[in-house]
PDB file of N, CA and C in Angstrom:
ATOM      1  N   MET A   1      -6.995  15.571   1.429  1.00  0.00           N
ATOM      2  CA  MET A   1      -6.209  14.373   1.532  1.00  0.00           C
ATOM      3  C   MET A   1      -6.504  13.475   0.326  1.00  0.00           C
ATOM      4  N   HIS A   2      -5.489  12.813  -0.172  1.00  0.00           N
ATOM      5  CA  HIS A   2      -5.608  11.880  -1.287  1.00  0.00           C
ATOM      6  C   HIS A   2      -5.392  10.463  -0.749  1.00  0.00           C
ATOM      7  N   SER A   3      -6.172   9.506  -1.220  1.00  0.00           N
ATOM      8  CA  SER A   3      -6.061   8.121  -0.759  1.00  0.00           C
ATOM      9  C   SER A   3      -5.907   7.175  -1.933  1.00  0.00           C
ATOM     10  N   THR A   4      -5.198   6.076  -1.686  1.00  0.00           N
ATOM     11  CA  THR A   4      -5.137   4.974  -2.641  1.00  0.00           C
ATOM     12  C   THR A   4      -5.491   3.698  -1.895  1.00  0.00           C
ATOM     13  N   LEU A   5      -6.095   2.767  -2.600  1.00  0.00           N
ATOM     14  CA  LEU A   5      -6.466   1.484  -2.017  1.00  0.00           C
ATOM     15  C   LEU A   5      -5.991   0.384  -2.961  1.00  0.00           C
ATOM     16  N   ILE A   6      -5.066  -0.431  -2.473  1.00  0.00           N
ATOM     17  CA  ILE A   6      -4.563  -1.557  -3.239  1.00  0.00           C
ATOM     18  C   ILE A   6      -5.278  -2.813  -2.752  1.00  0.00           C
ATOM     19  N   VAL A   7      -5.743  -3.618  -3.688  1.00  0.00           N
ATOM     20  CA  VAL A   7      -6.436  -4.874  -3.382  1.00  0.00           C
ATOM     21  C   VAL A   7      -5.586  -6.019  -3.916  1.00  0.00           C
ATOM     22  N   ALA A   8      -5.342  -7.014  -3.073  1.00  0.00           N
ATOM     23  CA  ALA A   8      -4.563  -8.181  -3.472  1.00  0.00           C
ATOM     24  C   ALA A   8      -5.070  -9.389  -2.700  1.00  0.00           C
ATOM     25  N   ARG A   9      -4.345 -10.479  -2.804  1.00  0.00           N
ATOM     26  CA  ARG A   9      -4.698 -11.699  -2.070  1.00  0.00           C
ATOM     27  C   ARG A   9      -3.642 -11.958  -1.009  1.00  0.00           C
ATOM     28  N   MET A  10      -4.098 -12.444   0.152  1.00  0.00           N
ATOM     29  CA  MET A  10      -3.189 -12.721   1.254  1.00  0.00           C
ATOM     30  C   MET A  10      -3.807 -13.787   2.140  1.00  0.00           C
ATOM     31  N   SER A  11      -3.019 -14.750   2.529  1.00  0.00           N
ATOM     32  CA  SER A  11      -3.480 -15.755   3.469  1.00  0.00           C
ATOM     33  C   SER A  11      -3.636 -15.109   4.844  1.00  0.00           C
ATOM     34  N   PRO A  12      -4.729 -15.356   5.562  1.00  0.00           N
ATOM     35  CA  PRO A  12      -4.908 -14.768   6.892  1.00  0.00           C
ATOM     36  C   PRO A  12      -3.758 -15.105   7.847  1.00  0.00           C
ATOM     37  N   GLU A  13      -3.067 -16.211   7.623  1.00  0.00           N
ATOM     38  CA  GLU A  13      -1.942 -16.582   8.486  1.00  0.00           C
ATOM     39  C   GLU A  13      -0.755 -15.633   8.318  1.00  0.00           C
ATOM     40  N   SER A  14      -0.757 -14.810   7.277  1.00  0.00           N
ATOM     41  CA  SER A  14       0.358 -13.905   6.990  1.00  0.00           C
ATOM     42  C   SER A  14       0.230 -12.546   7.664  1.00  0.00           C
ATOM     43  N   ILE A  15      -0.863 -12.308   8.349  1.00  0.00           N
ATOM     44  CA  ILE A  15      -1.123 -10.982   8.935  1.00  0.00           C
ATOM     45  C   ILE A  15       0.041 -10.492   9.783  1.00  0.00           C
ATOM     46  N   GLY A  16       0.539 -11.323  10.672  1.00  0.00           N
ATOM     47  CA  GLY A  16       1.624 -10.914  11.557  1.00  0.00           C
ATOM     48  C   GLY A  16       2.894 -10.560  10.804  1.00  0.00           C
ATOM     49  N   ASP A  17       3.235 -11.367   9.797  1.00  0.00           N
ATOM     50  CA  ASP A  17       4.441 -11.104   9.011  1.00  0.00           C
ATOM     51  C   ASP A  17       4.322  -9.798   8.233  1.00  0.00           C
ATOM     52  N   VAL A  18       3.186  -9.586   7.611  1.00  0.00           N
ATOM     53  CA  VAL A  18       2.978  -8.374   6.821  1.00  0.00           C
ATOM     54  C   VAL A  18       2.971  -7.145   7.726  1.00  0.00           C
ATOM     55  N   ALA A  19       2.300  -7.218   8.857  1.00  0.00           N
ATOM     56  CA  ALA A  19       2.267  -6.087   9.797  1.00  0.00           C
ATOM     57  C   ALA A  19       3.671  -5.762  10.299  1.00  0.00           C
ATOM     58  N   LYS A  20       4.466  -6.775  10.562  1.00  0.00           N
ATOM     59  CA  LYS A  20       5.848  -6.575  11.041  1.00  0.00           C
ATOM     60  C   LYS A  20       6.683  -5.867   9.972  1.00  0.00           C
ATOM     61  N   LEU A  21       6.572  -6.315   8.724  1.00  0.00           N
ATOM     62  CA  LEU A  21       7.329  -5.688   7.642  1.00  0.00           C
ATOM     63  C   LEU A  21       6.963  -4.216   7.493  1.00  0.00           C
ATOM     64  N   PHE A  22       5.661  -3.907   7.510  1.00  0.00           N
ATOM     65  CA  PHE A  22       5.260  -2.509   7.385  1.00  0.00           C
ATOM     66  C   PHE A  22       5.618  -1.708   8.631  1.00  0.00           C
ATOM     67  N   GLY A  23       5.565  -2.312   9.810  1.00  0.00           N
ATOM     68  CA  GLY A  23       5.970  -1.615  11.030  1.00  0.00           C
ATOM     69  C   GLY A  23       7.422  -1.173  10.956  1.00  0.00           C
ATOM     70  N   GLU A  24       8.276  -2.059  10.462  1.00  0.00           N
ATOM     71  CA  GLU A  24       9.696  -1.719  10.317  1.00  0.00           C
ATOM     72  C   GLU A  24       9.885  -0.642   9.255  1.00  0.00           C
ATOM     73  N   PHE A  25       9.197  -0.783   8.128  1.00  0.00           N
ATOM     74  CA  PHE A  25       9.301   0.188   7.034  1.00  0.00           C
ATOM     75  C   PHE A  25       8.794   1.561   7.480  1.00  0.00           C
ATOM     76  N   ASP A  26       7.638   1.573   8.152  1.00  0.00           N
ATOM     77  CA  ASP A  26       7.051   2.845   8.582  1.00  0.00           C
ATOM     78  C   ASP A  26       7.819   3.488   9.734  1.00  0.00           C
ATOM     79  N   GLY A  27       8.721   2.740  10.368  1.00  0.00           N
ATOM     80  CA  GLY A  27       9.574   3.291  11.419  1.00  0.00           C
ATOM     81  C   GLY A  27      10.759   4.064  10.860  1.00  0.00           C
ATOM     82  N   THR A  28      10.932   4.058   9.543  1.00  0.00           N
ATOM     83  CA  THR A  28      11.992   4.834   8.894  1.00  0.00           C
ATOM     84  C   THR A  28      11.395   6.148   8.399  1.00  0.00           C
ATOM     85  N   GLU A  29      12.192   6.914   7.690  1.00  0.00           N
ATOM     86  CA  GLU A  29      11.666   8.167   7.125  1.00  0.00           C
ATOM     87  C   GLU A  29      10.961   7.964   5.789  1.00  0.00           C
ATOM     88  N   MET A  30      10.890   6.714   5.319  1.00  0.00           N
ATOM     89  CA  MET A  30      10.287   6.450   4.019  1.00  0.00           C
ATOM     90  C   MET A  30       8.836   6.940   3.886  1.00  0.00           C
ATOM     91  N   PRO A  31       7.968   6.727   4.870  1.00  0.00           N
ATOM     92  CA  PRO A  31       6.597   7.257   4.696  1.00  0.00           C
ATOM     93  C   PRO A  31       6.586   8.769   4.461  1.00  0.00           C
ATOM     94  N   HIS A  32       7.449   9.492   5.171  1.00  0.00           N
ATOM     95  CA  HIS A  32       7.503  10.948   5.003  1.00  0.00           C
ATOM     96  C   HIS A  32       8.044  11.306   3.623  1.00  0.00           C
ATOM     97  N   ARG A  33       9.033  10.538   3.173  1.00  0.00           N
ATOM     98  CA  ARG A  33       9.601  10.779   1.849  1.00  0.00           C
ATOM     99  C   ARG A  33       8.546  10.573   0.755  1.00  0.00           C
ATOM    100  N   MET A  34       7.652   9.623   0.960  1.00  0.00           N
ATOM    101  CA  MET A  34       6.610   9.328  -0.016  1.00  0.00           C
ATOM    102  C   MET A  34       5.370  10.194   0.168  1.00  0.00           C
ATOM    103  N   GLY A  35       5.329  11.010   1.223  1.00  0.00           N
ATOM    104  CA  GLY A  35       4.165  11.855   1.480  1.00  0.00           C
ATOM    105  C   GLY A  35       3.026  11.126   2.161  1.00  0.00           C
ATOM    106  N   THR A  36       3.318   9.956   2.736  1.00  0.00           N
ATOM    107  CA  THR A  36       2.279   9.157   3.390  1.00  0.00           C
ATOM    108  C   THR A  36       1.901   9.782   4.722  1.00  0.00           C
ATOM    109  N   ARG A  37       0.621   9.981   4.913  1.00  0.00           N
ATOM    110  CA  ARG A  37       0.112  10.505   6.177  1.00  0.00           C
ATOM    111  C   ARG A  37      -0.383   9.375   7.075  1.00  0.00           C
ATOM    112  N   ARG A  38      -0.976   8.344   6.447  1.00  0.00           N
ATOM    113  CA  ARG A  38      -1.508   7.223   7.219  1.00  0.00           C
ATOM    114  C   ARG A  38      -1.554   6.002   6.317  1.00  0.00           C
ATOM    115  N   ARG A  39      -1.261   4.847   6.927  1.00  0.00           N
ATOM    116  CA  ARG A  39      -1.373   3.576   6.220  1.00  0.00           C
ATOM    117  C   ARG A  39      -2.237   2.660   7.085  1.00  0.00           C
ATOM    118  N   GLN A  40      -3.205   2.007   6.454  1.00  0.00           N
ATOM    119  CA  GLN A  40      -4.036   1.029   7.144  1.00  0.00           C
ATOM    120  C   GLN A  40      -4.084  -0.231   6.294  1.00  0.00           C
ATOM    121  N   LEU A  41      -3.926  -1.375   6.949  1.00  0.00           N
ATOM    122  CA  LEU A  41      -3.990  -2.663   6.264  1.00  0.00           C
ATOM    123  C   LEU A  41      -5.189  -3.427   6.788  1.00  0.00           C
ATOM    124  N   PHE A  42      -5.935  -4.034   5.873  1.00  0.00           N
ATOM    125  CA  PHE A  42      -7.111  -4.814   6.227  1.00  0.00           C
ATOM    126  C   PHE A  42      -7.038  -6.157   5.516  1.00  0.00           C
ATOM    127  N   GLN A  43      -7.702  -7.153   6.091  1.00  0.00           N
ATOM    128  CA  GLN A  43      -7.855  -8.435   5.411  1.00  0.00           C
ATOM    129  C   GLN A  43      -9.280  -8.906   5.585  1.00  0.00           C
ATOM    130  N   TYR A  44      -9.763  -9.611   4.566  1.00  0.00           N
ATOM    131  CA  TYR A  44     -11.103 -10.168   4.620  1.00  0.00           C
ATOM    132  C   TYR A  44     -11.137 -11.384   3.713  1.00  0.00           C
ATOM    133  N   LYS A  45     -11.331 -12.543   4.309  1.00  0.00           N
ATOM    134  CA  LYS A  45     -11.500 -13.799   3.572  1.00  0.00           C
ATOM    135  C   LYS A  45     -10.494 -13.982   2.437  1.00  0.00           C
ATOM    136  N   GLY A  46      -9.223 -13.844   2.779  1.00  0.00           N
ATOM    137  CA  GLY A  46      -8.173 -14.061   1.796  1.00  0.00           C
ATOM    138  C   GLY A  46      -7.835 -12.854   0.934  1.00  0.00           C
ATOM    139  N   LEU A  47      -8.500 -11.736   1.185  1.00  0.00           N
ATOM    140  CA  LEU A  47      -8.189 -10.510   0.456  1.00  0.00           C
ATOM    141  C   LEU A  47      -7.403  -9.565   1.350  1.00  0.00           C
ATOM    142  N   TYR A  48      -6.550  -8.787   0.748  1.00  0.00           N
ATOM    143  CA  TYR A  48      -5.681  -7.818   1.411  1.00  0.00           C
ATOM    144  C   TYR A  48      -6.050  -6.440   0.877  1.00  0.00           C
ATOM    145  N   PHE A  49      -6.232  -5.486   1.774  1.00  0.00           N
ATOM    146  CA  PHE A  49      -6.559  -4.112   1.402  1.00  0.00           C
ATOM    147  C   PHE A  49      -5.536  -3.193   2.048  1.00  0.00           C
ATOM    148  N   HIS A  50      -4.879  -2.403   1.253  1.00  0.00           N
ATOM    149  CA  HIS A  50      -3.828  -1.498   1.714  1.00  0.00           C
ATOM    150  C   HIS A  50      -4.284  -0.073   1.407  1.00  0.00           C
ATOM    151  N   LEU A  51      -4.769   0.604   2.444  1.00  0.00           N
ATOM    152  CA  LEU A  51      -5.256   1.979   2.303  1.00  0.00           C
ATOM    153  C   LEU A  51      -4.154   2.926   2.734  1.00  0.00           C
ATOM    154  N   GLN A  52      -3.771   3.800   1.817  1.00  0.00           N
ATOM    155  CA  GLN A  52      -2.703   4.750   2.104  1.00  0.00           C
ATOM    156  C   GLN A  52      -3.226   6.152   1.849  1.00  0.00           C
ATOM    157  N   ASP A  53      -3.068   7.033   2.839  1.00  0.00           N
ATOM    158  CA  ASP A  53      -3.526   8.415   2.734  1.00  0.00           C
ATOM    159  C   ASP A  53      -2.323   9.336   2.612  1.00  0.00           C
ATOM    160  N   PHE A  54      -2.476  10.345   1.770  1.00  0.00           N
ATOM    161  CA  PHE A  54      -1.427  11.321   1.526  1.00  0.00           C
ATOM    162  C   PHE A  54      -1.958  12.711   1.827  1.00  0.00           C
ATOM    163  N   ASP A  55      -1.069  13.597   2.285  1.00  0.00           N
ATOM    164  CA  ASP A  55      -1.477  14.971   2.549  1.00  0.00           C
ATOM    165  C   ASP A  55      -1.934  15.665   1.278  1.00  0.00           C
ATOM    166  N   GLU A  56      -1.271  15.349   0.169  1.00  0.00           N
ATOM    167  CA  GLU A  56      -1.576  16.013  -1.086  1.00  0.00           C
ATOM    168  C   GLU A  56      -1.791  14.988  -2.178  1.00  0.00           C
ATOM    169  N   ASP A  57      -2.259  15.446  -3.299  1.00  0.00           N
ATOM    170  CA  ASP A  57      -2.575  14.569  -4.425  1.00  0.00           C
ATOM    171  C   ASP A  57      -1.330  14.156  -5.217  1.00  0.00           C
ATOM    172  N   ASN A  58      -0.138  14.467  -4.722  1.00  0.00           N
ATOM    173  CA  ASN A  58       1.081  14.120  -5.446  1.00  0.00           C
ATOM    174  C   ASN A  58       1.739  12.867  -4.870  1.00  0.00           C
ATOM    175  N   GLY A  59       0.990  12.063  -4.113  1.00  0.00           N
ATOM    176  CA  GLY A  59       1.551  10.854  -3.520  1.00  0.00           C
ATOM    177  C   GLY A  59       2.147   9.923  -4.556  1.00  0.00           C
ATOM    178  N   GLY A  60       1.470   9.748  -5.676  1.00  0.00           N
ATOM    179  CA  GLY A  60       1.985   8.870  -6.716  1.00  0.00           C
ATOM    180  C   GLY A  60       3.321   9.349  -7.256  1.00  0.00           C
ATOM    181  N   GLU A  61       3.443  10.651  -7.392  1.00  0.00           N
ATOM    182  CA  GLU A  61       4.682  11.257  -7.880  1.00  0.00           C
ATOM    183  C   GLU A  61       5.822  10.993  -6.889  1.00  0.00           C
ATOM    184  N   LEU A  62       5.571  11.176  -5.607  1.00  0.00           N
ATOM    185  CA  LEU A  62       6.594  10.957  -4.589  1.00  0.00           C
ATOM    186  C   LEU A  62       6.963   9.479  -4.485  1.00  0.00           C
ATOM    187  N   ILE A  63       5.976   8.598  -4.628  1.00  0.00           N
ATOM    188  CA  ILE A  63       6.251   7.163  -4.594  1.00  0.00           C
ATOM    189  C   ILE A  63       7.134   6.779  -5.775  1.00  0.00           C
ATOM    190  N   GLU A  64       6.855   7.328  -6.948  1.00  0.00           N
ATOM    191  CA  GLU A  64       7.690   7.044  -8.119  1.00  0.00           C
ATOM    192  C   GLU A  64       9.135   7.431  -7.841  1.00  0.00           C
ATOM    193  N   GLN A  65       9.342   8.559  -7.180  1.00  0.00           N
ATOM    194  CA  GLN A  65      10.689   9.015  -6.855  1.00  0.00           C
ATOM    195  C   GLN A  65      11.355   8.092  -5.839  1.00  0.00           C
ATOM    196  N   ALA A  66      10.570   7.495  -4.941  1.00  0.00           N
ATOM    197  CA  ALA A  66      11.112   6.643  -3.875  1.00  0.00           C
ATOM    198  C   ALA A  66      11.368   5.213  -4.328  1.00  0.00           C
ATOM    199  N   LYS A  67      10.845   4.814  -5.478  1.00  0.00           N
ATOM    200  CA  LYS A  67      10.942   3.420  -5.913  1.00  0.00           C
ATOM    201  C   LYS A  67      12.368   2.902  -6.028  1.00  0.00           C
ATOM    202  N   GLY A  68      13.323   3.763  -6.256  1.00  0.00           N
ATOM    203  CA  GLY A  68      14.719   3.331  -6.368  1.00  0.00           C
ATOM    204  C   GLY A  68      15.421   3.170  -5.038  1.00  0.00           C
ATOM    205  N   ASP A  69      14.798   3.622  -3.964  1.00  0.00           N
ATOM    206  CA  ASP A  69      15.412   3.514  -2.638  1.00  0.00           C
ATOM    207  C   ASP A  69      15.498   2.045  -2.231  1.00  0.00           C
ATOM    208  N   PRO A  70      16.645   1.600  -1.720  1.00  0.00           N
ATOM    209  CA  PRO A  70      16.789   0.189  -1.330  1.00  0.00           C
ATOM    210  C   PRO A  70      15.736  -0.284  -0.321  1.00  0.00           C
ATOM    211  N   ARG A  71      15.229   0.606   0.526  1.00  0.00           N
ATOM    212  CA  ARG A  71      14.193   0.209   1.496  1.00  0.00           C
ATOM    213  C   ARG A  71      12.876  -0.065   0.799  1.00  0.00           C
ATOM    214  N   PHE A  72      12.553   0.715  -0.222  1.00  0.00           N
ATOM    215  CA  PHE A  72      11.333   0.482  -1.000  1.00  0.00           C
ATOM    216  C   PHE A  72      11.449  -0.830  -1.769  1.00  0.00           C
ATOM    217  N   VAL A  73      12.588  -1.024  -2.416  1.00  0.00           N
ATOM    218  CA  VAL A  73      12.836  -2.269  -3.147  1.00  0.00           C
ATOM    219  C   VAL A  73      12.793  -3.446  -2.180  1.00  0.00           C
ATOM    220  N   GLY A  74      13.383  -3.268  -1.000  1.00  0.00           N
ATOM    221  CA  GLY A  74      13.431  -4.335  -0.001  1.00  0.00           C
ATOM    222  C   GLY A  74      12.063  -4.764   0.482  1.00  0.00           C
ATOM    223  N   ILE A  75      11.197  -3.813   0.835  1.00  0.00           N
ATOM    224  CA  ILE A  75       9.880  -4.214   1.340  1.00  0.00           C
ATOM    225  C   ILE A  75       9.061  -4.855   0.223  1.00  0.00           C
ATOM    226  N   SER A  76       9.226  -4.385  -1.004  1.00  0.00           N
ATOM    227  CA  SER A  76       8.512  -5.001  -2.122  1.00  0.00           C
ATOM    228  C   SER A  76       8.917  -6.469  -2.256  1.00  0.00           C
ATOM    229  N   GLN A  77      10.193  -6.754  -2.135  1.00  0.00           N
ATOM    230  CA  GLN A  77      10.690  -8.132  -2.218  1.00  0.00           C
ATOM    231  C   GLN A  77      10.234  -8.949  -1.006  1.00  0.00           C
ATOM    232  N   ASP A  78      10.317  -8.349   0.176  1.00  0.00           N
ATOM    233  CA  ASP A  78       9.963  -9.062   1.413  1.00  0.00           C
ATOM    234  C   ASP A  78       8.486  -9.436   1.470  1.00  0.00           C
ATOM    235  N   LEU A  79       7.631  -8.656   0.807  1.00  0.00           N
ATOM    236  CA  LEU A  79       6.189  -8.922   0.816  1.00  0.00           C
ATOM    237  C   LEU A  79       5.777 -10.011  -0.173  1.00  0.00           C
ATOM    238  N   LYS A  80       6.621 -10.314  -1.143  1.00  0.00           N
ATOM    239  CA  LYS A  80       6.243 -11.263  -2.199  1.00  0.00           C
ATOM    240  C   LYS A  80       5.776 -12.624  -1.688  1.00  0.00           C
ATOM    241  N   PRO A  81       6.389 -13.195  -0.638  1.00  0.00           N
ATOM    242  CA  PRO A  81       5.885 -14.489  -0.171  1.00  0.00           C
ATOM    243  C   PRO A  81       4.485 -14.423   0.459  1.00  0.00           C
ATOM    244  N   PHE A  82       4.030 -13.223   0.808  1.00  0.00           N
ATOM    245  CA  PHE A  82       2.784 -13.070   1.550  1.00  0.00           C
ATOM    246  C   PHE A  82       1.635 -12.461   0.749  1.00  0.00           C
ATOM    247  N   ILE A  83       1.954 -11.588  -0.199  1.00  0.00           N
ATOM    248  CA  ILE A  83       0.942 -10.851  -0.952  1.00  0.00           C
ATOM    249  C   ILE A  83       0.981 -11.313  -2.411  1.00  0.00           C
ATOM    250  N   GLU A  84      -0.177 -11.691  -2.941  1.00  0.00           N
ATOM    251  CA  GLU A  84      -0.293 -12.110  -4.335  1.00  0.00           C
ATOM    252  C   GLU A  84      -1.198 -11.132  -5.077  1.00  0.00           C
ATOM    253  N   ALA A  85      -0.920 -10.937  -6.329  1.00  0.00           N
ATOM    254  CA  ALA A  85      -1.766 -10.076  -7.153  1.00  0.00           C
ATOM    255  C   ALA A  85      -3.192 -10.620  -7.167  1.00  0.00           C
ATOM    256  N   TYR A  86      -4.152  -9.743  -7.150  1.00  0.00           N
ATOM    257  CA  TYR A  86      -5.551 -10.163  -7.240  1.00  0.00           C
ATOM    258  C   TYR A  86      -5.788 -10.883  -8.564  1.00  0.00           C
ATOM    259  N   ASP A  87      -5.245 -10.324  -9.624  1.00  0.00           N
ATOM    260  CA  ASP A  87      -5.356 -10.931 -10.950  1.00  0.00           C
ATOM    261  C   ASP A  87      -3.956 -10.989 -11.561  1.00  0.00           C
ATOM    262  N   PRO A  88      -3.233 -12.084 -11.347  1.00  0.00           N
ATOM    263  CA  PRO A  88      -1.857 -12.179 -11.841  1.00  0.00           C
ATOM    264  C   PRO A  88      -1.724 -11.970 -13.351  1.00  0.00           C
ATOM    265  N   ALA A  89      -2.756 -12.262 -14.114  1.00  0.00           N
ATOM    266  CA  ALA A  89      -2.686 -12.119 -15.570  1.00  0.00           C
ATOM    267  C   ALA A  89      -2.572 -10.662 -16.006  1.00  0.00           C
ATOM    268  N   THR A  90      -3.062  -9.729 -15.196  1.00  0.00           N
ATOM    269  CA  THR A  90      -3.051  -8.319 -15.595  1.00  0.00           C
ATOM    270  C   THR A  90      -2.119  -7.466 -14.742  1.00  0.00           C
ATOM    271  N   TRP A  91      -1.507  -8.043 -13.707  1.00  0.00           N
ATOM    272  CA  TRP A  91      -0.688  -7.239 -12.785  1.00  0.00           C
ATOM    273  C   TRP A  91       0.702  -6.984 -13.327  1.00  0.00           C
ATOM    274  N   ARG A  92       1.078  -5.696 -13.377  1.00  0.00           N
ATOM    275  CA  ARG A  92       2.421  -5.307 -13.745  1.00  0.00           C
ATOM    276  C   ARG A  92       3.048  -4.402 -12.689  1.00  0.00           C
ATOM    277  N   SER A  93       2.204  -3.682 -11.962  1.00  0.00           N
ATOM    278  CA  SER A  93       2.673  -2.793 -10.900  1.00  0.00           C
ATOM    279  C   SER A  93       1.516  -2.579  -9.927  1.00  0.00           C
ATOM    280  N   PRO A  94       1.779  -1.973  -8.764  1.00  0.00           N
ATOM    281  CA  PRO A  94       0.684  -1.718  -7.816  1.00  0.00           C
ATOM    282  C   PRO A  94      -0.465  -0.916  -8.427  1.00  0.00           C
ATOM    283  N   ALA A  95      -0.181  -0.113  -9.426  1.00  0.00           N
ATOM    284  CA  ALA A  95      -1.252   0.655 -10.069  1.00  0.00           C
ATOM    285  C   ALA A  95      -2.309  -0.261 -10.676  1.00  0.00           C
ATOM    286  N   ASP A  96      -1.915  -1.473 -11.061  1.00  0.00           N
ATOM    287  CA  ASP A  96      -2.862  -2.431 -11.633  1.00  0.00           C
ATOM    288  C   ASP A  96      -3.759  -3.058 -10.576  1.00  0.00           C
ATOM    289  N   ALA A  97      -3.482  -2.802  -9.312  1.00  0.00           N
ATOM    290  CA  ALA A  97      -4.266  -3.373  -8.220  1.00  0.00           C
ATOM    291  C   ALA A  97      -5.016  -2.305  -7.430  1.00  0.00           C
ATOM    292  N   MET A  98      -5.005  -1.068  -7.914  1.00  0.00           N
ATOM    293  CA  MET A  98      -5.653   0.014  -7.180  1.00  0.00           C
ATOM    294  C   MET A  98      -7.140   0.078  -7.486  1.00  0.00           C
ATOM    295  N   ALA A  99      -7.907   0.124  -6.420  1.00  0.00           N
ATOM    296  CA  ALA A  99      -9.353   0.267  -6.557  1.00  0.00           C
ATOM    297  C   ALA A  99      -9.676   1.674  -7.045  1.00  0.00           C
ATOM    298  N   THR A 100     -10.806   1.812  -7.695  1.00  0.00           N
ATOM    299  CA  THR A 100     -11.269   3.107  -8.187  1.00  0.00           C
ATOM    300  C   THR A 100     -12.365   3.624  -7.263  1.00  0.00           C
ATOM    301  N   ARG A 101     -12.146   4.807  -6.725  1.00  0.00           N
ATOM    302  CA  ARG A 101     -13.173   5.407  -5.866  1.00  0.00           C
ATOM    303  C   ARG A 101     -14.340   5.869  -6.735  1.00  0.00           C
ATOM    304  N   PHE A 102     -15.537   5.520  -6.322  1.00  0.00           N
ATOM    305  CA  PHE A 102     -16.706   5.963  -7.074  1.00  0.00           C
ATOM    306  C   PHE A 102     -17.669   6.779  -6.236  1.00  0.00           C
ATOM    307  N   TYR A 103     -17.346   7.003  -4.947  1.00  0.00           N
ATOM    308  CA  TYR A 103     -18.173   7.851  -4.089  1.00  0.00           C
ATOM    309  C   TYR A 103     -17.298   8.328  -2.931  1.00  0.00           C
ATOM    310  N   ASN A 104     -17.492   9.568  -2.528  1.00  0.00           N
ATOM    311  CA  ASN A 104     -16.740  10.118  -1.403  1.00  0.00           C
ATOM    312  C   ASN A 104     -17.629  11.096  -0.656  1.00  0.00           C
ATOM    313  N   TRP A 105     -17.585  11.041   0.656  1.00  0.00           N
ATOM    314  CA  TRP A 105     -18.296  11.992   1.493  1.00  0.00           C
ATOM    315  C   TRP A 105     -17.385  12.373   2.634  1.00  0.00           C
ATOM    316  N   GLU A 106     -17.365  13.638   3.019  1.00  0.00           N
ATOM    317  CA  GLU A 106     -16.580  14.107   4.151  1.00  0.00           C
ATOM    318  C   GLU A 106     -17.431  15.046   4.980  1.00  0.00           C
ATOM    319  N   ALA A 107     -17.263  14.985   6.276  1.00  0.00           N
ATOM    320  CA  ALA A 107     -17.965  15.909   7.169  1.00  0.00           C
ATOM    321  C   ALA A 107     -17.400  17.306   6.979  1.00  0.00           C
ATOM    322  N   SER A 108     -18.256  18.306   7.026  1.00  0.00           N
ATOM    323  CA  SER A 108     -17.771  19.679   6.925  1.00  0.00           C
ATOM    324  C   SER A 108     -17.188  20.109   8.260  1.00  0.00           C
ATOM    325  N   ALA A 109     -16.233  20.983   8.189  1.00  0.00           N
ATOM    326  CA  ALA A 109     -15.525  21.431   9.406  1.00  0.00           C
ATOM    327  C   ALA A 109     -16.378  22.294  10.283  1.00  0.00           C
TER     328      ALA A 109
END
C-alpha cells in the first residue's frame, strides 16, 4: 500500500464542514477512480492532516488524471474557505504540502 500525508492549517471549528465535503466526495466513484483505498482526516491545534492510502504506488498518477473532473475541481474549491496552506509562500499544489515519510514498519503476515 502507498500512502500520502498532506499537512495544512484548519480552524477546529471547520471539522464538520470539511468532513461533510469529503463524505459527499467519497460517496461518488471518485475515490475508486483515483485508486484511493482509505482516507483519514485528523486535526491537532489548528493543523490539518489528510492521510490517503492507495492500493498501489500509482496513486499520484491516477490523481493527476482525475484533476480535470468537475467533482475534483469542485471539492478543491469547496475546501478553500476551510483549509489553508501550511506555508502559503511555497504552496503551489498539494504536492508542496506532502509530508516525507522517514520511517515505516509493518507487521509480517
